[in-house]
Amino acid sequence: MPRYNFKSGVSELGDVIQLKDGQPLILEGIHGMNPRLISDRWAGAAFRIYVSALTQLNLDRHNRVSTTDTRLIRRMVRDARERGYSATQTISGWESVRRGEKRHIFPYQENADVMFNSALVYELAALKPLVEPLLRQVQHRAPEFIEARRLLAFLEWFLPLDASSIPANSIVREFLGGSSLKDFKIWRG
């Protein structure tokens, strides 16, 4: 099971597994709803869960918190920690990510058996202390500077939350780091 190393830009060898009859297989990934991933032969046995951050917060009576902004901030923090990307690089690539979602992800979300909303009311407060320094590093002359300033202004609405108060099994830990579920495996001999 190879893994792509974003820091080195190289696919690396992973664990070798072999499924036994009746053993479940759990696939995780943003392309999991694509019908080409699982052949028609296995489609009836699949149970698909679509996970998406659908933010339901309002800043005031007229302004809501954008799901897209929450997702971009999540990605910026995760990209810096896991991939070594700057905020400039993440912002620069965001439109490409969005185009890819519209083409390869969103058309298949209706294939899910269940939808799970992963947005948490406290996540922007928890991400704020990590993302603000990244956004402040975007150079004044960079095309991404305006977006960085807009996000910094948006984050002023939130008080910072100390990440040490967030449980290790919270989905926000995928972005903050320190998840008890990172590299989680169930091995049955």
C-alpha atoms as a PDB file:
ATOM      1  CA  MET A   1       0.000   0.000   0.000  1.00  0.00           C
ATOM      2  CA  PRO A   2       2.150   2.875  -1.233  1.00  0.00           C
ATOM      3  CA  ARG A   3       1.933   6.348   0.313  1.00  0.00           C
ATOM      4  CA  TYR A   4       2.740   9.584  -1.400  1.00  0.00           C
ATOM      5  CA  ASN A   5       5.247  11.733   0.505  1.00  0.00           C
ATOM      6  CA  PHE A   6       4.324  15.351  -0.225  1.00  0.00           C
ATOM      7  CA  LYS A   7       7.556  16.700   1.253  1.00  0.00           C
ATOM      8  CA  SER A   8       9.812  14.594  -0.967  1.00  0.00           C
ATOM      9  CA  GLY A   9       7.407  14.370  -3.902  1.00  0.00           C
ATOM     10  CA  VAL A  10       7.915  10.604  -4.127  1.00  0.00           C
ATOM     11  CA  SER A  11       5.653   7.595  -3.641  1.00  0.00           C
ATOM     12  CA  GLU A  12       6.970   5.370  -0.840  1.00  0.00           C
ATOM     13  CA  LEU A  13       6.431   1.716  -0.094  1.00  0.00           C
ATOM     14  CA  GLY A  14       3.892   0.918   2.577  1.00  0.00           C
ATOM     15  CA  ASP A  15       2.525  -2.126   4.322  1.00  0.00           C
ATOM     16  CA  VAL A  16       1.694  -5.255   2.370  1.00  0.00           C
ATOM     17  CA  ILE A  17      -1.747  -6.610   3.176  1.00  0.00           C
ATOM     18  CA  GLN A  18      -3.851  -9.486   1.964  1.00  0.00           C
ATOM     19  CA  LEU A  19      -7.558  -9.653   2.603  1.00  0.00           C
ATOM     20  CA  LYS A  20      -9.206 -12.873   3.655  1.00  0.00           C
ATOM     21  CA  ASP A  21     -12.715 -13.880   2.588  1.00  0.00           C
ATOM     22  CA  GLY A  22     -15.315 -11.801   4.412  1.00  0.00           C
ATOM     23  CA  GLN A  23     -12.773  -9.331   5.767  1.00  0.00           C
ATOM     24  CA  PRO A  24     -13.894  -5.691   5.406  1.00  0.00           C
ATOM     25  CA  LEU A  25     -11.813  -3.166   3.544  1.00  0.00           C
ATOM     26  CA  ILE A  26     -11.988   0.491   4.553  1.00  0.00           C
ATOM     27  CA  LEU A  27     -10.888   2.983   1.913  1.00  0.00           C
ATOM     28  CA  GLU A  28     -10.324   6.585   2.923  1.00  0.00           C
ATOM     29  CA  GLY A  29      -9.950   9.389   0.465  1.00  0.00           C
ATOM     30  CA  ILE A  30     -11.617  12.223  -1.336  1.00  0.00           C
ATOM     31  CA  HIS A  31     -12.212  10.080  -4.424  1.00  0.00           C
ATOM     32  CA  GLY A  32     -14.026   7.369  -2.449  1.00  0.00           C
ATOM     33  CA  MET A  33     -17.427   8.117  -3.978  1.00  0.00           C
ATOM     34  CA  ASN A  34     -16.219   7.756  -7.563  1.00  0.00           C
ATOM     35  CA  PRO A  35     -17.952   4.684  -9.046  1.00  0.00           C
ATOM     36  CA  ARG A  36     -14.769   3.781 -10.974  1.00  0.00           C
ATOM     37  CA  LEU A  37     -13.034   3.046  -7.645  1.00  0.00           C
ATOM     38  CA  ILE A  38     -15.207   0.008  -6.900  1.00  0.00           C
ATOM     39  CA  SER A  39     -16.331  -2.287  -9.698  1.00  0.00           C
ATOM     40  CA  ASP A  40     -20.016  -3.063 -10.242  1.00  0.00           C
ATOM     41  CA  ARG A  41     -19.315  -6.512  -8.826  1.00  0.00           C
ATOM     42  CA  TRP A  42     -18.567  -5.032  -5.378  1.00  0.00           C
ATOM     43  CA  ALA A  43     -20.786  -1.936  -5.458  1.00  0.00           C
ATOM     44  CA  GLY A  44     -23.650  -3.643  -3.609  1.00  0.00           C
ATOM     45  CA  ALA A  45     -21.345  -4.621  -0.744  1.00  0.00           C
ATOM     46  CA  ALA A  46     -19.923  -1.106  -0.345  1.00  0.00           C
ATOM     47  CA  PHE A  47     -21.137   1.283   2.356  1.00  0.00           C
ATOM     48  CA  ARG A  48     -20.020   4.793   1.474  1.00  0.00           C
ATOM     49  CA  ILE A  49     -19.669   7.627   3.988  1.00  0.00           C
ATOM     50  CA  TYR A  50     -19.148  11.119   2.600  1.00  0.00           C
ATOM     51  CA  VAL A  51     -17.329  13.402   5.041  1.00  0.00           C
ATOM     52  CA  SER A  52     -17.496  17.142   4.431  1.00  0.00           C
ATOM     53  CA  ALA A  53     -17.062  20.266   6.537  1.00  0.00           C
ATOM     54  CA  LEU A  54     -20.359  22.132   6.225  1.00  0.00           C
ATOM     55  CA  THR A  55     -19.868  25.134   8.488  1.00  0.00           C
ATOM     56  CA  GLN A  56     -23.079  26.348  10.082  1.00  0.00           C
ATOM     57  CA  LEU A  57     -21.820  29.409  11.969  1.00  0.00           C
ATOM     58  CA  ASN A  58     -22.798  33.026  11.503  1.00  0.00           C
ATOM     59  CA  LEU A  59     -20.606  35.974  12.432  1.00  0.00           C
ATOM     60  CA  ASP A  60     -23.682  38.121  12.934  1.00  0.00           C
ATOM     61  CA  ARG A  61     -27.268  38.312  11.637  1.00  0.00           C
ATOM     62  CA  HIS A  62     -26.109  38.980   8.072  1.00  0.00           C
ATOM     63  CA  ASN A  63     -22.728  37.259   7.610  1.00  0.00           C
ATOM     64  CA  ARG A  64     -22.149  33.536   7.732  1.00  0.00           C
ATOM     65  CA  VAL A  65     -18.866  31.691   8.052  1.00  0.00           C
ATOM     66  CA  SER A  66     -17.975  30.299   4.655  1.00  0.00           C
ATOM     67  CA  THR A  67     -17.443  26.555   4.444  1.00  0.00           C
ATOM     68  CA  THR A  68     -14.829  27.252   1.761  1.00  0.00           C
ATOM     69  CA  ASP A  69     -12.872  29.554   4.106  1.00  0.00           C
ATOM     70  CA  THR A  70     -12.947  26.959   6.875  1.00  0.00           C
ATOM     71  CA  ARG A  71     -11.687  24.293   4.496  1.00  0.00           C
ATOM     72  CA  LEU A  72      -8.923  26.546   3.146  1.00  0.00           C
ATOM     73  CA  ILE A  73      -7.752  27.359   6.676  1.00  0.00           C
ATOM     74  CA  ARG A  74      -7.806  23.665   7.609  1.00  0.00           C
ATOM     75  CA  ARG A  75      -5.758  22.859   4.531  1.00  0.00           C
ATOM     76  CA  MET A  76      -3.265  25.661   5.131  1.00  0.00           C
ATOM     77  CA  VAL A  77      -2.472  24.397   8.639  1.00  0.00           C
ATOM     78  CA  ARG A  78      -2.267  20.761   7.508  1.00  0.00           C
ATOM     79  CA  ASP A  79      -0.187  21.616   4.411  1.00  0.00           C
ATOM     80  CA  ALA A  80       2.339  23.551   6.489  1.00  0.00           C
ATOM     81  CA  ARG A  81       2.743  20.728   9.003  1.00  0.00           C
ATOM     82  CA  GLU A  82       2.497  17.647   6.764  1.00  0.00           C
ATOM     83  CA  ARG A  83       3.732  18.900   3.403  1.00  0.00           C
ATOM     84  CA  GLY A  84       6.045  21.792   4.221  1.00  0.00           C
ATOM     85  CA  TYR A  85       3.938  24.204   2.127  1.00  0.00           C
ATOM     86  CA  SER A  86       3.745  27.920   2.815  1.00  0.00           C
ATOM     87  CA  ALA A  87       0.419  29.758   3.007  1.00  0.00           C
ATOM     88  CA  THR A  88       1.342  31.324  -0.330  1.00  0.00           C
ATOM     89  CA  GLN A  89       1.627  27.869  -1.929  1.00  0.00           C
ATOM     90  CA  THR A  90      -1.662  26.649  -0.454  1.00  0.00           C
ATOM     91  CA  ILE A  91      -3.563  29.787  -1.491  1.00  0.00           C
ATOM     92  CA  SER A  92      -1.962  29.646  -4.934  1.00  0.00           C
ATOM     93  CA  GLY A  93      -3.159  26.083  -5.479  1.00  0.00           C
ATOM     94  CA  TRP A  94      -6.615  26.544  -3.971  1.00  0.00           C
ATOM     95  CA  GLU A  95      -8.425  27.365  -7.229  1.00  0.00           C
ATOM     96  CA  SER A  96      -7.006  24.205  -8.792  1.00  0.00           C
ATOM     97  CA  VAL A  97      -8.237  22.215  -5.787  1.00  0.00           C
ATOM     98  CA  ARG A  98     -11.698  23.760  -6.178  1.00  0.00           C
ATOM     99  CA  ARG A  99     -11.800  22.968  -9.915  1.00  0.00           C
ATOM    100  CA  GLY A 100     -10.827  19.378  -9.170  1.00  0.00           C
ATOM    101  CA  GLU A 101     -13.568  19.057  -6.558  1.00  0.00           C
ATOM    102  CA  LYS A 102     -16.197  20.330  -8.970  1.00  0.00           C
ATOM    103  CA  ARG A 103     -15.049  17.850 -11.596  1.00  0.00           C
ATOM    104  CA  HIS A 104     -14.065  14.756  -9.588  1.00  0.00           C
ATOM    105  CA  ILE A 105     -15.641  14.934  -6.105  1.00  0.00           C
ATOM    106  CA  PHE A 106     -18.944  16.811  -5.938  1.00  0.00           C
ATOM    107  CA  PRO A 107     -20.617  14.953  -8.843  1.00  0.00           C
ATOM    108  CA  TYR A 108     -20.282  11.719  -6.863  1.00  0.00           C
ATOM    109  CA  GLN A 109     -21.249  12.847  -3.359  1.00  0.00           C
ATOM    110  CA  GLU A 110     -24.795  11.599  -3.943  1.00  0.00           C
ATOM    111  CA  ASN A 111     -23.361   8.062  -4.183  1.00  0.00           C
ATOM    112  CA  ALA A 112     -22.898   8.133  -0.407  1.00  0.00           C
ATOM    113  CA  ASP A 113     -25.067   6.029   1.844  1.00  0.00           C
ATOM    114  CA  VAL A 114     -24.443   8.451   4.708  1.00  0.00           C
ATOM    115  CA  MET A 115     -23.242  12.059   4.960  1.00  0.00           C
ATOM    116  CA  PHE A 116     -21.091  13.140   7.927  1.00  0.00           C
ATOM    117  CA  ASN A 117     -20.576  16.824   8.692  1.00  0.00           C
ATOM    118  CA  SER A 118     -17.064  17.210  10.110  1.00  0.00           C
ATOM    119  CA  ALA A 119     -17.313  20.933  10.886  1.00  0.00           C
ATOM    120  CA  LEU A 120     -16.889  21.777  14.564  1.00  0.00           C
ATOM    121  CA  VAL A 121     -17.952  24.999  16.230  1.00  0.00           C
ATOM    122  CA  TYR A 122     -14.541  25.488  17.900  1.00  0.00           C
ATOM    123  CA  GLU A 123     -12.221  24.600  15.002  1.00  0.00           C
ATOM    124  CA  LEU A 124     -11.493  28.114  13.710  1.00  0.00           C
ATOM    125  CA  ALA A 125     -10.562  29.208  17.228  1.00  0.00           C
ATOM    126  CA  ALA A 126      -8.210  26.208  17.464  1.00  0.00           C
ATOM    127  CA  LEU A 127      -6.697  26.747  14.002  1.00  0.00           C
ATOM    128  CA  LYS A 128      -6.253  30.510  14.459  1.00  0.00           C
ATOM    129  CA  PRO A 129      -2.972  30.422  16.467  1.00  0.00           C
ATOM    130  CA  LEU A 130      -1.401  28.178  13.817  1.00  0.00           C
ATOM    131  CA  VAL A 131      -2.705  29.815  10.651  1.00  0.00           C
ATOM    132  CA  GLU A 132      -2.191  33.490  11.529  1.00  0.00           C
ATOM    133  CA  PRO A 133       1.637  33.288  11.502  1.00  0.00           C
ATOM    134  CA  LEU A 134       1.477  31.459   8.172  1.00  0.00           C
ATOM    135  CA  LEU A 135      -0.761  34.125   6.652  1.00  0.00           C
ATOM    136  CA  ARG A 136       1.490  36.905   7.938  1.00  0.00           C
ATOM    137  CA  GLN A 137       4.404  35.393   5.991  1.00  0.00           C
ATOM    138  CA  VAL A 138       2.691  35.991   2.626  1.00  0.00           C
ATOM    139  CA  GLN A 139       4.771  38.656   0.875  1.00  0.00           C
ATOM    140  CA  HIS A 140       3.183  42.036   0.169  1.00  0.00           C
ATOM    141  CA  ARG A 141       3.919  41.782  -3.566  1.00  0.00           C
ATOM    142  CA  ALA A 142       2.599  38.213  -3.935  1.00  0.00           C
ATOM    143  CA  PRO A 143      -0.718  37.719  -5.760  1.00  0.00           C
ATOM    144  CA  GLU A 144      -1.899  35.738  -2.691  1.00  0.00           C
ATOM    145  CA  PHE A 145      -1.377  38.711  -0.348  1.00  0.00           C
ATOM    146  CA  ILE A 146      -4.935  40.053  -0.691  1.00  0.00           C
ATOM    147  CA  GLU A 147      -6.440  36.663   0.144  1.00  0.00           C
ATOM    148  CA  ALA A 148      -4.079  36.300   3.121  1.00  0.00           C
ATOM    149  CA  ARG A 149      -5.143  39.730   4.445  1.00  0.00           C
ATOM    150  CA  ARG A 150      -8.829  38.891   3.945  1.00  0.00           C
ATOM    151  CA  LEU A 151      -8.415  35.682   5.953  1.00  0.00           C
ATOM    152  CA  LEU A 152      -6.507  37.489   8.712  1.00  0.00           C
ATOM    153  CA  ALA A 153      -9.332  40.034   8.978  1.00  0.00           C
ATOM    154  CA  PHE A 154     -11.879  37.210   9.068  1.00  0.00           C
ATOM    155  CA  LEU A 155      -9.972  35.442  11.870  1.00  0.00           C
ATOM    156  CA  GLU A 156     -10.269  38.574  14.037  1.00  0.00           C
ATOM    157  CA  TRP A 157     -13.813  37.371  14.814  1.00  0.00           C
ATOM    158  CA  PHE A 158     -12.403  34.410  16.778  1.00  0.00           C
ATOM    159  CA  LEU A 159     -10.590  34.175  20.090  1.00  0.00           C
ATOM    160  CA  PRO A 160      -7.688  31.711  20.006  1.00  0.00           C
ATOM    161  CA  LEU A 161      -8.215  28.325  21.615  1.00  0.00           C
ATOM    162  CA  ASP A 162      -5.323  26.408  23.157  1.00  0.00           C
ATOM    163  CA  ALA A 163      -5.038  23.158  21.205  1.00  0.00           C
ATOM    164  CA  SER A 164      -4.051  21.249  24.349  1.00  0.00           C
ATOM    165  CA  SER A 165      -7.726  21.289  25.367  1.00  0.00           C
ATOM    166  CA  ILE A 166      -8.778  19.432  22.203  1.00  0.00           C
ATOM    167  CA  PRO A 167      -9.042  15.644  22.545  1.00  0.00           C
ATOM    168  CA  ALA A 168      -6.664  13.471  20.529  1.00  0.00           C
ATOM    169  CA  ASN A 169      -9.643  11.805  18.806  1.00  0.00           C
ATOM    170  CA  SER A 170     -11.191  15.073  17.552  1.00  0.00           C
ATOM    171  CA  ILE A 171     -11.371  15.340  13.763  1.00  0.00           C
ATOM    172  CA  VAL A 172      -9.708  18.769  14.065  1.00  0.00           C
ATOM    173  CA  ARG A 173      -6.554  16.913  15.133  1.00  0.00           C
ATOM    174  CA  GLU A 174      -6.176  15.810  11.486  1.00  0.00           C
ATOM    175  CA  PHE A 175      -5.223  19.425  10.797  1.00  0.00           C
ATOM    176  CA  LEU A 176      -3.666  20.469  14.114  1.00  0.00           C
ATOM    177  CA  GLY A 177      -1.617  17.309  14.541  1.00  0.00           C
ATOM    178  CA  GLY A 178      -1.571  15.008  17.553  1.00  0.00           C
ATOM    179  CA  SER A 179      -4.399  12.747  16.380  1.00  0.00           C
ATOM    180  CA  SER A 180      -4.718   9.395  18.088  1.00  0.00           C
ATOM    181  CA  LEU A 181      -6.080   8.117  14.769  1.00  0.00           C
ATOM    182  CA  LYS A 182      -3.010   8.933  12.644  1.00  0.00           C
ATOM    183  CA  ASP A 183      -1.707   5.722  11.134  1.00  0.00           C
ATOM    184  CA  PHE A 184      -4.461   3.786  12.925  1.00  0.00           C
ATOM    185  CA  LYS A 185      -4.502   0.124  11.921  1.00  0.00           C
ATOM    186  CA  ILE A 186      -6.507  -2.929  12.811  1.00  0.00           C
ATOM    187  CA  TRP A 187      -4.563  -6.107  12.251  1.00  0.00           C
ATOM    188  CA  ARG A 188      -6.216  -9.478  12.495  1.00  0.00           C
ATOM    189  CA  GLY A 189      -3.997 -12.495  12.227  1.00  0.00           C
END
